[in-house]
Amino acid sequence: MTHRYALAAELLGWWAALMVLWLMFISTVDPLEVLVGAAAALFAAAAACGARRAVKHR
């Protein structure tokens, strides 16, 4: 159970950091940009978590 919380916390941390970066780099903040940024950040966060775990188990 602790493993799931750690994974969720890691994913949330990556997502939050990437979302902040997205919001800093766009010129206008409208709902569609926020939605696209949230989706892209979630995808990238999942990839980052997967990559870190793959390297950890080498």
Protein backbone atom coordinates (compact mmCIF):
# COMPACT_ATOMS: atom_id res chain seq x y z
CA MET A 1 0.00 0.00 0.00
CA THR A 2 2.87 2.38 0.77
CA HIS A 3 4.25 1.72 -2.71
CA ARG A 4 1.04 3.07 -4.26
CA TYR A 5 1.20 6.24 -2.17
CA ALA A 6 4.82 6.77 -3.13
CA LEU A 7 4.01 6.31 -6.81
CA ALA A 8 1.06 8.69 -6.56
CA ALA A 9 3.15 11.29 -4.75
CA GLU A 10 5.94 11.02 -7.32
CA LEU A 11 3.48 11.32 -10.21
CA LEU A 12 1.77 14.30 -8.58
CA GLY A 13 5.11 16.01 -7.96
CA TRP A 14 6.22 15.58 -11.57
CA TRP A 15 2.83 16.70 -12.85
CA ALA A 16 2.81 19.83 -10.68
CA ALA A 17 6.34 20.83 -11.68
CA LEU A 18 5.68 20.29 -15.38
CA MET A 19 2.35 22.11 -15.20
CA VAL A 20 4.01 25.14 -13.60
CA LEU A 21 6.63 25.15 -16.36
CA TRP A 22 3.89 24.94 -19.00
CA LEU A 23 2.03 27.87 -17.47
CA MET A 24 5.23 29.92 -17.30
CA PHE A 25 6.04 29.40 -20.98
CA ILE A 26 2.64 30.09 -22.57
CA SER A 27 1.71 33.67 -23.37
CA THR A 28 -2.03 33.52 -22.70
CA VAL A 29 -3.71 31.39 -20.10
CA ASP A 30 -7.09 30.27 -21.38
CA PRO A 31 -9.03 27.11 -20.49
CA LEU A 32 -7.96 25.17 -23.59
CA GLU A 33 -4.27 25.90 -22.95
CA VAL A 34 -4.64 24.76 -19.33
CA LEU A 35 -6.38 21.55 -20.44
CA VAL A 36 -3.72 20.78 -23.05
CA GLY A 37 -0.96 21.60 -20.57
CA ALA A 38 -2.48 19.38 -17.90
CA ALA A 39 -2.76 16.46 -20.31
CA ALA A 40 0.77 16.92 -21.65
CA ALA A 41 2.17 17.26 -18.12
CA LEU A 42 0.39 14.08 -17.01
CA PHE A 43 1.76 12.15 -19.99
CA ALA A 44 5.28 13.45 -19.39
CA ALA A 45 5.03 12.77 -15.63
CA ALA A 46 4.03 9.16 -16.30
CA ALA A 47 6.97 8.80 -18.69
CA ALA A 48 9.37 10.31 -16.14
CA CYS A 49 8.16 7.96 -13.41
CA GLY A 50 8.49 4.98 -15.72
CA ALA A 51 11.95 5.99 -16.85
CA ARG A 52 13.16 6.52 -13.29
CA ARG A 53 11.85 3.14 -12.20
CA ALA A 54 13.39 1.42 -15.23
CA VAL A 55 16.82 2.89 -14.44
CA LYS A 56 16.44 2.09 -10.73
CA HIS A 57 15.94 -1.64 -11.42
CA ARG A 58 19.06 -2.04 -13.58
